[in-house]
Amino acid sequence: RGHVRLVATPEYDYPGCVGPLKCSFVVVPKESRFQTLAD
């Protein structure tokens, strides 16, 4: 901040994206016991 200028933010056509907003996917080993965040 203050050292660069914002130009624009790309929007992507992927699950997890809404306009210029995006999330991350929480991944675990496929065969693990984890089902929820609490786990």
Full PDB file with SEQRES, HELIX, SHEET, SSBOND, CRYST1, ORIGX, SCALE, CONECT and MASTER records, all heavy atoms in Angstrom:
SEQRES   1 A   39  ARG GLY HIS VAL ARG LEU VAL ALA THR PRO GLU TYR ASP          
SEQRES   2 A   39  TYR PRO GLY CYS VAL GLY PRO LEU LYS CYS SER PHE VAL          
SEQRES   3 A   39  VAL VAL PRO LYS GLU SER ARG PHE GLN THR LEU ALA ASP          
SHEET    1 AA1 2 CYS A  17  VAL A  18  0                                        
SHEET    2 AA1 2 LEU A  21  LYS A  22 -1                                        
CRYST1    1.000    1.000    1.000  90.00  90.00  90.00 P 1           1          
ORIGX1      1.000000  0.000000  0.000000        0.00000                         
ORIGX2      0.000000  1.000000  0.000000        0.00000                         
ORIGX3      0.000000  0.000000  1.000000        0.00000                         
SCALE1      1.000000  0.000000  0.000000        0.00000                         
SCALE2      0.000000  1.000000  0.000000        0.00000                         
SCALE3      0.000000  0.000000  1.000000        0.00000                         
ATOM      1  N   ARG A   1       0.832  -1.203   0.000  1.00  0.00           N  
ATOM      2  CA  ARG A   1       0.000   0.000   0.000  1.00  0.00           C  
ATOM      3  C   ARG A   1       0.866   1.252   0.000  1.00  0.00           C  
ATOM      4  O   ARG A   1       1.794   1.374   0.786  1.00  0.00           O  
ATOM      5  CB  ARG A   1      -0.893   0.019   1.237  1.00  0.00           C  
ATOM      6  CG  ARG A   1      -2.239  -0.606   1.067  1.00  0.00           C  
ATOM      7  CD  ARG A   1      -3.002  -0.572   2.364  1.00  0.00           C  
ATOM      8  NE  ARG A   1      -4.412  -0.863   2.180  1.00  0.00           N  
ATOM      9  CZ  ARG A   1      -5.247  -1.153   3.160  1.00  0.00           C  
ATOM     10  NH1 ARG A   1      -4.801  -1.194   4.407  1.00  0.00           N  
ATOM     11  NH2 ARG A   1      -6.511  -1.402   2.915  1.00  0.00           N  
ATOM     12  N   GLY A   2       0.518   2.182  -0.879  1.00  0.00           N  
ATOM     13  CA  GLY A   2       1.269   3.418  -0.960  1.00  0.00           C  
ATOM     14  C   GLY A   2       2.514   3.317  -1.807  1.00  0.00           C  
ATOM     15  O   GLY A   2       3.125   4.339  -2.140  1.00  0.00           O  
ATOM     16  N   HIS A   3       2.908   2.099  -2.167  1.00  0.00           N  
ATOM     17  CA  HIS A   3       4.108   1.889  -2.971  1.00  0.00           C  
ATOM     18  C   HIS A   3       3.787   1.391  -4.378  1.00  0.00           C  
ATOM     19  O   HIS A   3       4.680   1.329  -5.230  1.00  0.00           O  
ATOM     20  CB  HIS A   3       5.029   0.877  -2.281  1.00  0.00           C  
ATOM     21  CG  HIS A   3       5.446   1.294  -0.909  1.00  0.00           C  
ATOM     22  ND1 HIS A   3       6.334   2.332  -0.675  1.00  0.00           N  
ATOM     23  CD2 HIS A   3       5.082   0.835   0.319  1.00  0.00           C  
ATOM     24  CE1 HIS A   3       6.516   2.474   0.618  1.00  0.00           C  
ATOM     25  NE2 HIS A   3       5.766   1.588   1.251  1.00  0.00           N  
ATOM     26  N   VAL A   4       2.529   1.024  -4.610  1.00  0.00           N  
ATOM     27  CA  VAL A   4       2.063   0.608  -5.936  1.00  0.00           C  
ATOM     28  C   VAL A   4       0.663   1.174  -6.134  1.00  0.00           C  
ATOM     29  O   VAL A   4       0.034   1.666  -5.194  1.00  0.00           O  
ATOM     30  CB  VAL A   4       2.023  -0.934  -6.095  1.00  0.00           C  
ATOM     31  CG1 VAL A   4       3.405  -1.539  -5.898  1.00  0.00           C  
ATOM     32  CG2 VAL A   4       1.013  -1.563  -5.138  1.00  0.00           C  
ATOM     33  N   ARG A   5       0.171   1.096  -7.367  1.00  0.00           N  
ATOM     34  CA  ARG A   5      -1.204   1.475  -7.660  1.00  0.00           C  
ATOM     35  C   ARG A   5      -1.974   0.252  -8.148  1.00  0.00           C  
ATOM     36  O   ARG A   5      -1.445  -0.546  -8.931  1.00  0.00           O  
ATOM     37  CB  ARG A   5      -1.261   2.587  -8.718  1.00  0.00           C  
ATOM     38  CG  ARG A   5      -0.561   3.861  -8.320  1.00  0.00           C  
ATOM     39  CD  ARG A   5      -0.856   5.001  -9.298  1.00  0.00           C  
ATOM     40  NE  ARG A   5      -2.237   5.481  -9.175  1.00  0.00           N  
ATOM     41  CZ  ARG A   5      -2.714   6.539  -9.851  1.00  0.00           C  
ATOM     42  NH1 ARG A   5      -1.933   7.187 -10.714  1.00  0.00           N  
ATOM     43  NH2 ARG A   5      -3.974   6.925  -9.688  1.00  0.00           N  
ATOM     44  N   LEU A   6      -3.191   0.111  -7.678  1.00  0.00           N  
ATOM     45  CA  LEU A   6      -4.053  -0.971  -8.142  1.00  0.00           C  
ATOM     46  C   LEU A   6      -4.529  -0.668  -9.555  1.00  0.00           C  
ATOM     47  O   LEU A   6      -4.982   0.444  -9.848  1.00  0.00           O  
ATOM     48  CB  LEU A   6      -5.262  -1.117  -7.223  1.00  0.00           C  
ATOM     49  CG  LEU A   6      -4.995  -1.593  -5.791  1.00  0.00           C  
ATOM     50  CD1 LEU A   6      -6.286  -1.496  -4.965  1.00  0.00           C  
ATOM     51  CD2 LEU A   6      -4.476  -3.022  -5.780  1.00  0.00           C  
ATOM     52  N   VAL A   7      -4.429  -1.654 -10.424  1.00  0.00           N  
ATOM     53  CA  VAL A   7      -4.895  -1.486 -11.806  1.00  0.00           C  
ATOM     54  C   VAL A   7      -6.276  -2.129 -11.955  1.00  0.00           C  
ATOM     55  O   VAL A   7      -7.267  -1.455 -12.201  1.00  0.00           O  
ATOM     56  CB  VAL A   7      -3.896  -2.090 -12.807  1.00  0.00           C  
ATOM     57  CG1 VAL A   7      -4.418  -1.915 -14.240  1.00  0.00           C  
ATOM     58  CG2 VAL A   7      -2.525  -1.432 -12.662  1.00  0.00           C  
ATOM     59  N   ALA A   8      -6.351  -3.434 -11.825  1.00  0.00           N  
ATOM     60  CA  ALA A   8      -7.619  -4.148 -11.942  1.00  0.00           C  
ATOM     61  C   ALA A   8      -7.435  -5.555 -11.382  1.00  0.00           C  
ATOM     62  O   ALA A   8      -6.313  -6.049 -11.248  1.00  0.00           O  
ATOM     63  CB  ALA A   8      -8.097  -4.193 -13.386  1.00  0.00           C  
ATOM     64  N   THR A   9      -8.550  -6.196 -11.077  1.00  0.00           N  
ATOM     65  CA  THR A   9      -8.535  -7.550 -10.519  1.00  0.00           C  
ATOM     66  C   THR A   9      -9.242  -8.495 -11.475  1.00  0.00           C  
ATOM     67  O   THR A   9     -10.393  -8.241 -11.854  1.00  0.00           O  
ATOM     68  CB  THR A   9      -9.220  -7.575  -9.151  1.00  0.00           C  
ATOM     69  OG1 THR A   9      -8.521  -6.688  -8.255  1.00  0.00           O  
ATOM     70  CG2 THR A   9      -9.228  -8.975  -8.564  1.00  0.00           C  
ATOM     71  N   PRO A  10      -8.590  -9.582 -11.877  1.00  0.00           N  
ATOM     72  CA  PRO A  10      -9.238 -10.513 -12.801  1.00  0.00           C  
ATOM     73  C   PRO A  10     -10.368 -11.289 -12.141  1.00  0.00           C  
ATOM     74  O   PRO A  10     -10.311 -11.596 -10.948  1.00  0.00           O  
ATOM     75  CB  PRO A  10      -8.091 -11.454 -13.216  1.00  0.00           C  
ATOM     76  CG  PRO A  10      -7.086 -11.338 -12.127  1.00  0.00           C  
ATOM     77  CD  PRO A  10      -7.210  -9.963 -11.565  1.00  0.00           C  
ATOM     78  N   GLU A  11     -11.386 -11.580 -12.921  1.00  0.00           N  
ATOM     79  CA  GLU A  11     -12.471 -12.456 -12.496  1.00  0.00           C  
ATOM     80  C   GLU A  11     -12.327 -13.780 -13.237  1.00  0.00           C  
ATOM     81  O   GLU A  11     -12.118 -13.797 -14.450  1.00  0.00           O  
ATOM     82  CB  GLU A  11     -13.836 -11.843 -12.811  1.00  0.00           C  
ATOM     83  CG  GLU A  11     -14.110 -10.549 -12.076  1.00  0.00           C  
ATOM     84  CD  GLU A  11     -15.526 -10.043 -12.319  1.00  0.00           C  
ATOM     85  OE1 GLU A  11     -16.360 -10.831 -12.831  1.00  0.00           O  
ATOM     86  OE2 GLU A  11     -15.802  -8.878 -12.004  1.00  0.00           O  
ATOM     87  N   TYR A  12     -12.438 -14.879 -12.499  1.00  0.00           N  
ATOM     88  CA  TYR A  12     -12.238 -16.198 -13.086  1.00  0.00           C  
ATOM     89  C   TYR A  12     -13.518 -17.014 -13.063  1.00  0.00           C  
ATOM     90  O   TYR A  12     -14.395 -16.820 -12.207  1.00  0.00           O  
ATOM     91  CB  TYR A  12     -11.134 -16.947 -12.332  1.00  0.00           C  
ATOM     92  CG  TYR A  12      -9.766 -16.338 -12.516  1.00  0.00           C  
ATOM     93  CD1 TYR A  12      -9.283 -15.395 -11.592  1.00  0.00           C  
ATOM     94  CD2 TYR A  12      -8.960 -16.680 -13.592  1.00  0.00           C  
ATOM     95  CE1 TYR A  12      -8.024 -14.829 -11.746  1.00  0.00           C  
ATOM     96  CE2 TYR A  12      -7.706 -16.121 -13.753  1.00  0.00           C  
ATOM     97  CZ  TYR A  12      -7.242 -15.197 -12.831  1.00  0.00           C  
ATOM     98  OH  TYR A  12      -5.995 -14.637 -12.999  1.00  0.00           O  
ATOM     99  N   ASP A  13     -13.614 -17.923 -13.993  1.00  0.00           N  
ATOM    100  CA  ASP A  13     -14.797 -18.758 -14.152  1.00  0.00           C  
ATOM    101  C   ASP A  13     -14.552 -20.136 -13.549  1.00  0.00           C  
ATOM    102  O   ASP A  13     -14.560 -21.153 -14.253  1.00  0.00           O  
ATOM    103  CB  ASP A  13     -15.144 -18.876 -15.641  1.00  0.00           C  
ATOM    104  CG  ASP A  13     -16.517 -19.484 -15.869  1.00  0.00           C  
ATOM    105  OD1 ASP A  13     -17.335 -19.457 -14.938  1.00  0.00           O  
ATOM    106  OD2 ASP A  13     -16.765 -19.995 -16.983  1.00  0.00           O  
ATOM    107  N   TYR A  14     -14.317 -20.157 -12.234  1.00  0.00           N  
ATOM    108  CA  TYR A  14     -14.053 -21.407 -11.533  1.00  0.00           C  
ATOM    109  C   TYR A  14     -14.959 -21.505 -10.304  1.00  0.00           C  
ATOM    110  O   TYR A  14     -15.345 -20.479  -9.724  1.00  0.00           O  
ATOM    111  CB  TYR A  14     -12.595 -21.476 -11.070  1.00  0.00           C  
ATOM    112  CG  TYR A  14     -11.603 -21.874 -12.132  1.00  0.00           C  
ATOM    113  CD1 TYR A  14     -10.468 -21.100 -12.386  1.00  0.00           C  
ATOM    114  CD2 TYR A  14     -11.780 -23.036 -12.880  1.00  0.00           C  
ATOM    115  CE1 TYR A  14      -9.549 -21.472 -13.356  1.00  0.00           C  
ATOM    116  CE2 TYR A  14     -10.860 -23.415 -13.854  1.00  0.00           C  
ATOM    117  CZ  TYR A  14      -9.747 -22.625 -14.086  1.00  0.00           C  
ATOM    118  OH  TYR A  14      -8.849 -23.006 -15.050  1.00  0.00           O  
ATOM    119  N   PRO A  15     -15.287 -22.733  -9.881  1.00  0.00           N  
ATOM    120  CA  PRO A  15     -16.004 -22.884  -8.611  1.00  0.00           C  
ATOM    121  C   PRO A  15     -15.239 -22.193  -7.488  1.00  0.00           C  
ATOM    122  O   PRO A  15     -14.012 -22.280  -7.411  1.00  0.00           O  
ATOM    123  CB  PRO A  15     -16.028 -24.405  -8.406  1.00  0.00           C  
ATOM    124  CG  PRO A  15     -15.955 -24.974  -9.782  1.00  0.00           C  
ATOM    125  CD  PRO A  15     -15.050 -24.041 -10.547  1.00  0.00           C  
ATOM    126  N   GLY A  16     -15.961 -21.492  -6.634  1.00  0.00           N  
ATOM    127  CA  GLY A  16     -15.324 -20.746  -5.557  1.00  0.00           C  
ATOM    128  C   GLY A  16     -15.159 -19.274  -5.856  1.00  0.00           C  
ATOM    129  O   GLY A  16     -14.830 -18.494  -4.962  1.00  0.00           O  
ATOM    130  N   CYS A  17     -15.391 -18.884  -7.123  1.00  0.00           N  
ATOM    131  CA  CYS A  17     -15.245 -17.485  -7.532  1.00  0.00           C  
ATOM    132  C   CYS A  17     -16.617 -16.838  -7.703  1.00  0.00           C  
ATOM    133  O   CYS A  17     -17.526 -17.440  -8.285  1.00  0.00           O  
ATOM    134  CB  CYS A  17     -14.487 -17.382  -8.852  1.00  0.00           C  
ATOM    135  SG  CYS A  17     -12.798 -17.986  -8.796  1.00  0.00           S  
ATOM    136  N   VAL A  18     -16.753 -15.621  -7.202  1.00  0.00           N  
ATOM    137  CA  VAL A  18     -17.944 -14.806  -7.419  1.00  0.00           C  
ATOM    138  C   VAL A  18     -17.469 -13.410  -7.795  1.00  0.00           C  
ATOM    139  O   VAL A  18     -16.993 -12.658  -6.934  1.00  0.00           O  
ATOM    140  CB  VAL A  18     -18.844 -14.750  -6.166  1.00  0.00           C  
ATOM    141  CG1 VAL A  18     -20.041 -13.837  -6.426  1.00  0.00           C  
ATOM    142  CG2 VAL A  18     -19.314 -16.136  -5.774  1.00  0.00           C  
ATOM    143  N   GLY A  19     -17.567 -13.072  -9.057  1.00  0.00           N  
ATOM    144  CA  GLY A  19     -17.008 -11.803  -9.507  1.00  0.00           C  
ATOM    145  C   GLY A  19     -15.516 -11.760  -9.207  1.00  0.00           C  
ATOM    146  O   GLY A  19     -14.802 -12.741  -9.449  1.00  0.00           O  
ATOM    147  N   PRO A  20     -15.017 -10.663  -8.637  1.00  0.00           N  
ATOM    148  CA  PRO A  20     -13.589 -10.580  -8.312  1.00  0.00           C  
ATOM    149  C   PRO A  20     -13.228 -11.233  -6.978  1.00  0.00           C  
ATOM    150  O   PRO A  20     -12.078 -11.182  -6.553  1.00  0.00           O  
ATOM    151  CB  PRO A  20     -13.334  -9.078  -8.249  1.00  0.00           C  
ATOM    152  CG  PRO A  20     -14.645  -8.518  -7.776  1.00  0.00           C  
ATOM    153  CD  PRO A  20     -15.716  -9.384  -8.397  1.00  0.00           C  
ATOM    154  N   LEU A  21     -14.200 -11.842  -6.319  1.00  0.00           N  
ATOM    155  CA  LEU A  21     -13.952 -12.507  -5.037  1.00  0.00           C  
ATOM    156  C   LEU A  21     -13.682 -13.989  -5.252  1.00  0.00           C  
ATOM    157  O   LEU A  21     -14.161 -14.597  -6.209  1.00  0.00           O  
ATOM    158  CB  LEU A  21     -15.158 -12.347  -4.100  1.00  0.00           C  
ATOM    159  CG  LEU A  21     -15.652 -10.922  -3.836  1.00  0.00           C  
ATOM    160  CD1 LEU A  21     -16.834 -10.949  -2.884  1.00  0.00           C  
ATOM    161  CD2 LEU A  21     -14.530 -10.043  -3.285  1.00  0.00           C  
ATOM    162  N   LYS A  22     -12.911 -14.564  -4.350  1.00  0.00           N  
ATOM    163  CA  LYS A  22     -12.604 -15.984  -4.450  1.00  0.00           C  
ATOM    164  C   LYS A  22     -12.377 -16.552  -3.048  1.00  0.00           C  
ATOM    165  O   LYS A  22     -12.086 -15.818  -2.104  1.00  0.00           O  
ATOM    166  CB  LYS A  22     -11.364 -16.229  -5.310  1.00  0.00           C  
ATOM    167  CG  LYS A  22     -10.064 -15.699  -4.711  1.00  0.00           C  
ATOM    168  CD  LYS A  22      -8.896 -15.953  -5.633  1.00  0.00           C  
ATOM    169  CE  LYS A  22      -7.584 -15.475  -5.019  1.00  0.00           C  
ATOM    170  NZ  LYS A  22      -7.158 -16.272  -3.867  1.00  0.00           N  
ATOM    171  N   CYS A  23     -12.503 -17.866  -2.941  1.00  0.00           N  
ATOM    172  CA  CYS A  23     -12.248 -18.545  -1.682  1.00  0.00           C  
ATOM    173  C   CYS A  23     -11.091 -19.517  -1.865  1.00  0.00           C  
ATOM    174  O   CYS A  23     -10.474 -19.590  -2.931  1.00  0.00           O  
ATOM    175  CB  CYS A  23     -13.487 -19.289  -1.210  1.00  0.00           C  
ATOM    176  SG  CYS A  23     -13.877 -20.761  -2.195  1.00  0.00           S  
ATOM    177  N   SER A  24     -10.814 -20.262  -0.825  1.00  0.00           N  
ATOM    178  CA  SER A  24      -9.870 -21.374  -0.900  1.00  0.00           C  
ATOM    179  C   SER A  24     -10.598 -22.643  -0.498  1.00  0.00           C  
ATOM    180  O   SER A  24     -11.572 -22.601   0.248  1.00  0.00           O  
ATOM    181  CB  SER A  24      -8.669 -21.139   0.019  1.00  0.00           C  
ATOM    182  OG  SER A  24      -7.900 -20.046  -0.418  1.00  0.00           O  
ATOM    183  N   PHE A  25     -10.101 -23.769  -0.992  1.00  0.00           N  
ATOM    184  CA  PHE A  25     -10.656 -25.065  -0.643  1.00  0.00           C  
ATOM    185  C   PHE A  25      -9.766 -25.728   0.404  1.00  0.00           C  
ATOM    186  O   PHE A  25      -8.543 -25.807   0.219  1.00  0.00           O  
ATOM    187  CB  PHE A  25     -10.756 -25.962  -1.872  1.00  0.00           C  
ATOM    188  CG  PHE A  25     -11.720 -25.473  -2.917  1.00  0.00           C  
ATOM    189  CD1 PHE A  25     -11.425 -25.578  -4.265  1.00  0.00           C  
ATOM    190  CD2 PHE A  25     -12.933 -24.899  -2.554  1.00  0.00           C  
ATOM    191  CE1 PHE A  25     -12.312 -25.133  -5.227  1.00  0.00           C  
ATOM    192  CE2 PHE A  25     -13.826 -24.441  -3.512  1.00  0.00           C  
ATOM    193  CZ  PHE A  25     -13.517 -24.564  -4.857  1.00  0.00           C  
ATOM    194  N   VAL A  26     -10.367 -26.194   1.474  1.00  0.00           N  
ATOM    195  CA  VAL A  26      -9.632 -26.903   2.513  1.00  0.00           C  
ATOM    196  C   VAL A  26      -9.608 -28.383   2.120  1.00  0.00           C  
ATOM    197  O   VAL A  26     -10.661 -29.019   1.999  1.00  0.00           O  
ATOM    198  CB  VAL A  26     -10.293 -26.719   3.885  1.00  0.00           C  
ATOM    199  CG1 VAL A  26      -9.549 -27.519   4.952  1.00  0.00           C  
ATOM    200  CG2 VAL A  26     -10.327 -25.238   4.253  1.00  0.00           C  
ATOM    201  N   VAL A  27      -8.407 -28.904   1.907  1.00  0.00           N  
ATOM    202  CA  VAL A  27      -8.266 -30.281   1.423  1.00  0.00           C  
ATOM    203  C   VAL A  27      -7.577 -31.144   2.476  1.00  0.00           C  
ATOM    204  O   VAL A  27      -6.731 -30.677   3.240  1.00  0.00           O  
ATOM    205  CB  VAL A  27      -7.471 -30.344   0.100  1.00  0.00           C  
ATOM    206  CG1 VAL A  27      -8.167 -29.529  -0.972  1.00  0.00           C  
ATOM    207  CG2 VAL A  27      -6.039 -29.859   0.285  1.00  0.00           C  
ATOM    208  N   VAL A  28      -7.958 -32.415   2.481  1.00  0.00           N  
ATOM    209  CA  VAL A  28      -7.379 -33.414   3.384  1.00  0.00           C  
ATOM    210  C   VAL A  28      -7.064 -34.656   2.558  1.00  0.00           C  
ATOM    211  O   VAL A  28      -7.526 -34.793   1.421  1.00  0.00           O  
ATOM    212  CB  VAL A  28      -8.361 -33.774   4.521  1.00  0.00           C  
ATOM    213  CG1 VAL A  28      -8.670 -32.553   5.380  1.00  0.00           C  
ATOM    214  CG2 VAL A  28      -9.649 -34.380   3.966  1.00  0.00           C  
ATOM    215  N   PRO A  29      -6.284 -35.603   3.095  1.00  0.00           N  
ATOM    216  CA  PRO A  29      -6.027 -36.841   2.355  1.00  0.00           C  
ATOM    217  C   PRO A  29      -7.332 -37.555   2.017  1.00  0.00           C  
ATOM    218  O   PRO A  29      -8.262 -37.610   2.833  1.00  0.00           O  
ATOM    219  CB  PRO A  29      -5.173 -37.661   3.332  1.00  0.00           C  
ATOM    220  CG  PRO A  29      -4.495 -36.645   4.189  1.00  0.00           C  
ATOM    221  CD  PRO A  29      -5.509 -35.556   4.363  1.00  0.00           C  
ATOM    222  N   LYS A  30      -7.403 -38.085   0.819  1.00  0.00           N  
ATOM    223  CA  LYS A  30      -8.640 -38.682   0.314  1.00  0.00           C  
ATOM    224  C   LYS A  30      -9.172 -39.776   1.226  1.00  0.00           C  
ATOM    225  O   LYS A  30     -10.384 -39.891   1.445  1.00  0.00           O  
ATOM    226  CB  LYS A  30      -8.396 -39.238  -1.086  1.00  0.00           C  
ATOM    227  CG  LYS A  30      -9.649 -39.680  -1.812  1.00  0.00           C  
ATOM    228  CD  LYS A  30      -9.340 -40.047  -3.252  1.00  0.00           C  
ATOM    229  CE  LYS A  30     -10.602 -40.392  -4.016  1.00  0.00           C  
ATOM    230  NZ  LYS A  30     -10.292 -40.712  -5.448  1.00  0.00           N  
ATOM    231  N   GLU A  31      -8.298 -40.591   1.768  1.00  0.00           N  
ATOM    232  CA  GLU A  31      -8.727 -41.729   2.590  1.00  0.00           C  
ATOM    233  C   GLU A  31      -8.660 -41.440   4.086  1.00  0.00           C  
ATOM    234  O   GLU A  31      -8.739 -42.353   4.897  1.00  0.00           O  
ATOM    235  CB  GLU A  31      -7.857 -42.957   2.267  1.00  0.00           C  
ATOM    236  CG  GLU A  31      -7.846 -43.354   0.803  1.00  0.00           C  
ATOM    237  CD  GLU A  31      -9.240 -43.673   0.279  1.00  0.00           C  
ATOM    238  OE1 GLU A  31     -10.073 -44.169   1.074  1.00  0.00           O  
ATOM    239  OE2 GLU A  31      -9.505 -43.418  -0.916  1.00  0.00           O  
ATOM    240  N   SER A  32      -8.553 -40.185   4.459  1.00  0.00           N  
ATOM    241  CA  SER A  32      -8.425 -39.843   5.877  1.00  0.00           C  
ATOM    242  C   SER A  32      -9.774 -39.885   6.579  1.00  0.00           C  
ATOM    243  O   SER A  32     -10.834 -39.956   5.947  1.00  0.00           O  
ATOM    244  CB  SER A  32      -7.801 -38.451   6.029  1.00  0.00           C  
ATOM    245  OG  SER A  32      -8.716 -37.459   5.577  1.00  0.00           O  
ATOM    246  N   ARG A  33      -9.734 -39.769   7.889  1.00  0.00           N  
ATOM    247  CA  ARG A  33     -10.950 -39.792   8.708  1.00  0.00           C  
ATOM    248  C   ARG A  33     -11.615 -38.424   8.781  1.00  0.00           C  
ATOM    249  O   ARG A  33     -12.745 -38.293   9.263  1.00  0.00           O  
ATOM    250  CB  ARG A  33     -10.606 -40.237  10.132  1.00  0.00           C  
ATOM    251  CG  ARG A  33      -9.651 -39.284  10.843  1.00  0.00           C  
ATOM    252  CD  ARG A  33      -9.404 -39.671  12.293  1.00  0.00           C  
ATOM    253  NE  ARG A  33      -8.456 -38.780  12.928  1.00  0.00           N  
ATOM    254  CZ  ARG A  33      -8.774 -37.595  13.440  1.00  0.00           C  
ATOM    255  NH1 ARG A  33     -10.023 -37.156  13.380  1.00  0.00           N  
ATOM    256  NH2 ARG A  33      -7.844 -36.842  14.013  1.00  0.00           N  
ATOM    257  N   PHE A  34     -10.934 -37.367   8.333  1.00  0.00           N  
ATOM    258  CA  PHE A  34     -11.423 -36.001   8.517  1.00  0.00           C  
ATOM    259  C   PHE A  34     -12.669 -35.739   7.670  1.00  0.00           C  
ATOM    260  O   PHE A  34     -12.669 -35.952   6.457  1.00  0.00           O  
ATOM    261  CB  PHE A  34     -10.330 -34.989   8.156  1.00  0.00           C  
ATOM    262  CG  PHE A  34      -9.038 -35.198   8.890  1.00  0.00           C  
ATOM    263  CD1 PHE A  34      -7.876 -35.523   8.199  1.00  0.00           C  
ATOM    264  CD2 PHE A  34      -8.981 -35.075  10.272  1.00  0.00           C  
ATOM    265  CE1 PHE A  34      -6.683 -35.720   8.872  1.00  0.00           C  
ATOM    266  CE2 PHE A  34      -7.794 -35.272  10.959  1.00  0.00           C  
ATOM    267  CZ  PHE A  34      -6.637 -35.601  10.256  1.00  0.00           C  
ATOM    268  N   GLN A  35     -13.721 -35.265   8.335  1.00  0.00           N  
ATOM    269  CA  GLN A  35     -14.964 -34.946   7.639  1.00  0.00           C  
ATOM    270  C   GLN A  35     -15.397 -33.493   7.856  1.00  0.00           C  
ATOM    271  O   GLN A  35     -16.042 -32.908   6.995  1.00  0.00           O  
ATOM    272  CB  GLN A  35     -16.089 -35.874   8.116  1.00  0.00           C  
ATOM    273  CG  GLN A  35     -15.830 -37.350   7.863  1.00  0.00           C  
ATOM    274  CD  GLN A  35     -15.764 -37.691   6.384  1.00  0.00           C  
ATOM    275  OE1 GLN A  35     -16.434 -37.048   5.561  1.00  0.00           O  
ATOM    276  NE2 GLN A  35     -14.971 -38.696   6.031  1.00  0.00           N  
ATOM    277  N   THR A  36     -15.051 -32.933   8.992  1.00  0.00           N  
ATOM    278  CA  THR A  36     -15.447 -31.571   9.339  1.00  0.00           C  
ATOM    279  C   THR A  36     -14.224 -30.806   9.836  1.00  0.00           C  
ATOM    280  O   THR A  36     -13.181 -31.387  10.150  1.00  0.00           O  
ATOM    281  CB  THR A  36     -16.517 -31.555  10.437  1.00  0.00           C  
ATOM    282  OG1 THR A  36     -15.939 -32.047  11.660  1.00  0.00           O  
ATOM    283  CG2 THR A  36     -17.704 -32.436  10.046  1.00  0.00           C  
ATOM    284  N   LEU A  37     -14.390 -29.488   9.968  1.00  0.00           N  
ATOM    285  CA  LEU A  37     -13.304 -28.672  10.514  1.00  0.00           C  
ATOM    286  C   LEU A  37     -12.949 -29.108  11.929  1.00  0.00           C  
ATOM    287  O   LEU A  37     -11.768 -29.156  12.294  1.00  0.00           O  
ATOM    288  CB  LEU A  37     -13.701 -27.195  10.519  1.00  0.00           C  
ATOM    289  CG  LEU A  37     -13.748 -26.472   9.179  1.00  0.00           C  
ATOM    290  CD1 LEU A  37     -14.223 -25.044   9.369  1.00  0.00           C  
ATOM    291  CD2 LEU A  37     -12.376 -26.497   8.508  1.00  0.00           C  
ATOM    292  N   ALA A  38     -13.954 -29.441  12.715  1.00  0.00           N  
ATOM    293  CA  ALA A  38     -13.698 -29.851  14.093  1.00  0.00           C  
ATOM    294  C   ALA A  38     -12.796 -31.082  14.151  1.00  0.00           C  
ATOM    295  O   ALA A  38     -12.001 -31.239  15.085  1.00  0.00           O  
ATOM    296  CB  ALA A  38     -15.009 -30.120  14.813  1.00  0.00           C  
ATOM    297  N   ASP A  39     -12.902 -31.943  13.153  1.00  0.00           N  
ATOM    298  CA  ASP A  39     -12.073 -33.149  13.112  1.00  0.00           C  
ATOM    299  C   ASP A  39     -10.590 -32.821  12.961  1.00  0.00           C  
ATOM    300  O   ASP A  39      -9.726 -33.666  13.235  1.00  0.00           O  
ATOM    301  CB  ASP A  39     -12.480 -34.052  11.940  1.00  0.00           C  
ATOM    302  CG  ASP A  39     -13.867 -34.635  12.107  1.00  0.00           C  
ATOM    303  OD1 ASP A  39     -14.351 -34.706  13.252  1.00  0.00           O  
ATOM    304  OD2 ASP A  39     -14.470 -35.006  11.086  1.00  0.00           O  
TER     305      ASP A  39                                                      
MASTER        0    0    0    0    2    0    0    6  304    1    0    3          
END                                                                             
